[in-house]
């Protein structure tokens, strides 16, 4: 059945795949199998330069307009709402 009956909750990850159990279960599984867990590479955060252009490899980008995080950009060309 592809569609669950009404009121039934889908459980996606449980047991060894549950995110809360991974820290405990994965090393235990590797121990039982007799293998070493793979070494994870440390992530290196790169500094972000908003003026860097990936196409020409130069700092040639210019900021034209700053758009706020929420809502559409306000434009002086759009008609204002009129109260009726």
Protein backbone atom coordinates (compact mmCIF):
# COMPACT_ATOMS: atom_id res chain seq x y z
CA UNK A 1 0.00 0.00 0.00
CA UNK A 2 1.53 3.33 -1.02
CA UNK A 3 -0.90 5.53 0.87
CA UNK A 4 -1.14 5.05 4.60
CA UNK A 5 -4.58 4.75 6.20
CA UNK A 6 -5.92 7.82 7.98
CA UNK A 7 -4.45 8.28 11.46
CA UNK A 8 -1.38 6.10 10.85
CA UNK A 9 1.95 7.92 11.24
CA UNK A 10 4.86 7.03 9.00
CA UNK A 11 8.11 6.21 10.76
CA UNK A 12 10.99 6.77 8.40
CA UNK A 13 14.01 5.89 10.49
CA UNK A 14 14.06 3.59 13.49
CA UNK A 15 16.48 1.18 15.11
CA UNK A 16 20.07 1.63 13.95
CA UNK A 17 19.03 4.24 11.40
CA UNK A 18 17.44 6.55 13.97
CA UNK A 19 19.42 9.78 14.26
CA UNK A 20 19.36 9.60 18.06
CA UNK A 21 20.91 6.11 18.05
CA UNK A 22 23.58 6.56 15.36
CA UNK A 23 26.32 7.74 17.72
CA UNK A 24 25.96 4.58 19.78
CA UNK A 25 24.94 1.98 17.20
CA UNK A 26 27.41 2.67 14.36
CA UNK A 27 30.60 2.16 16.46
CA UNK A 28 28.97 -0.94 18.01
CA UNK A 29 28.23 -2.37 14.56
CA UNK A 30 31.81 -1.75 13.41
CA UNK A 31 33.07 -3.45 16.57
CA UNK A 32 30.87 -6.50 15.97
CA UNK A 33 31.97 -6.74 12.33
CA UNK A 34 35.62 -6.41 13.30
CA UNK A 35 36.24 -3.46 11.04
CA UNK A 36 37.47 0.03 11.79
CA UNK A 37 35.07 2.91 11.32
CA UNK A 38 36.05 5.17 8.42
CA UNK A 39 37.94 8.28 9.42
CA UNK A 40 36.02 11.43 8.76
CA UNK A 41 37.83 14.37 7.26
CA UNK A 42 37.59 17.57 9.22
CA UNK A 43 35.58 20.19 7.41
CA UNK A 44 37.34 23.40 6.60
CA UNK A 45 35.10 26.42 6.34
CA UNK A 46 35.97 28.73 3.51
CA UNK A 47 35.59 32.45 3.91
CA UNK A 48 32.84 33.92 1.79
CA UNK A 49 33.68 36.91 -0.36
CA UNK A 50 30.56 38.46 -1.93
CA UNK A 51 32.68 40.41 -4.42
CA UNK A 52 34.39 37.29 -5.86
CA UNK A 53 33.29 36.26 -9.35
CA UNK A 54 33.65 32.53 -10.07
CA UNK A 55 33.69 33.11 -13.85
CA UNK A 56 36.63 35.51 -14.08
CA UNK A 57 38.37 34.70 -10.74
CA UNK A 58 38.49 38.35 -9.74
CA UNK A 59 36.88 40.55 -7.11
CA UNK A 60 34.79 42.37 -9.66
CA UNK A 61 31.25 41.92 -8.34
CA UNK A 62 29.40 45.10 -7.41
CA UNK A 63 26.37 45.27 -5.13
CA UNK A 64 23.51 46.95 -7.01
CA UNK A 65 20.62 46.51 -4.59
CA UNK A 66 20.10 44.90 -1.22
CA UNK A 67 16.87 42.93 -1.00
CA UNK A 68 15.36 42.39 2.48
CA UNK A 69 15.11 38.81 3.73
CA UNK A 70 11.30 38.76 3.96
CA UNK A 71 8.72 39.78 1.43
CA UNK A 72 8.98 40.95 -2.16
CA UNK A 73 11.26 43.87 -3.03
CA UNK A 74 9.65 47.28 -2.74
CA UNK A 75 9.72 49.16 -5.99
CA UNK A 76 8.94 52.78 -6.66
CA UNK A 77 7.41 51.70 -9.99
CA UNK A 78 4.67 49.51 -8.50
CA UNK A 79 1.39 51.28 -7.76
CA UNK A 80 0.60 51.79 -4.08
CA UNK A 81 -2.44 50.10 -2.58
CA UNK A 82 -5.44 52.39 -2.40
CA UNK A 83 -7.86 52.07 0.52
CA UNK A 84 -11.45 51.85 -0.65
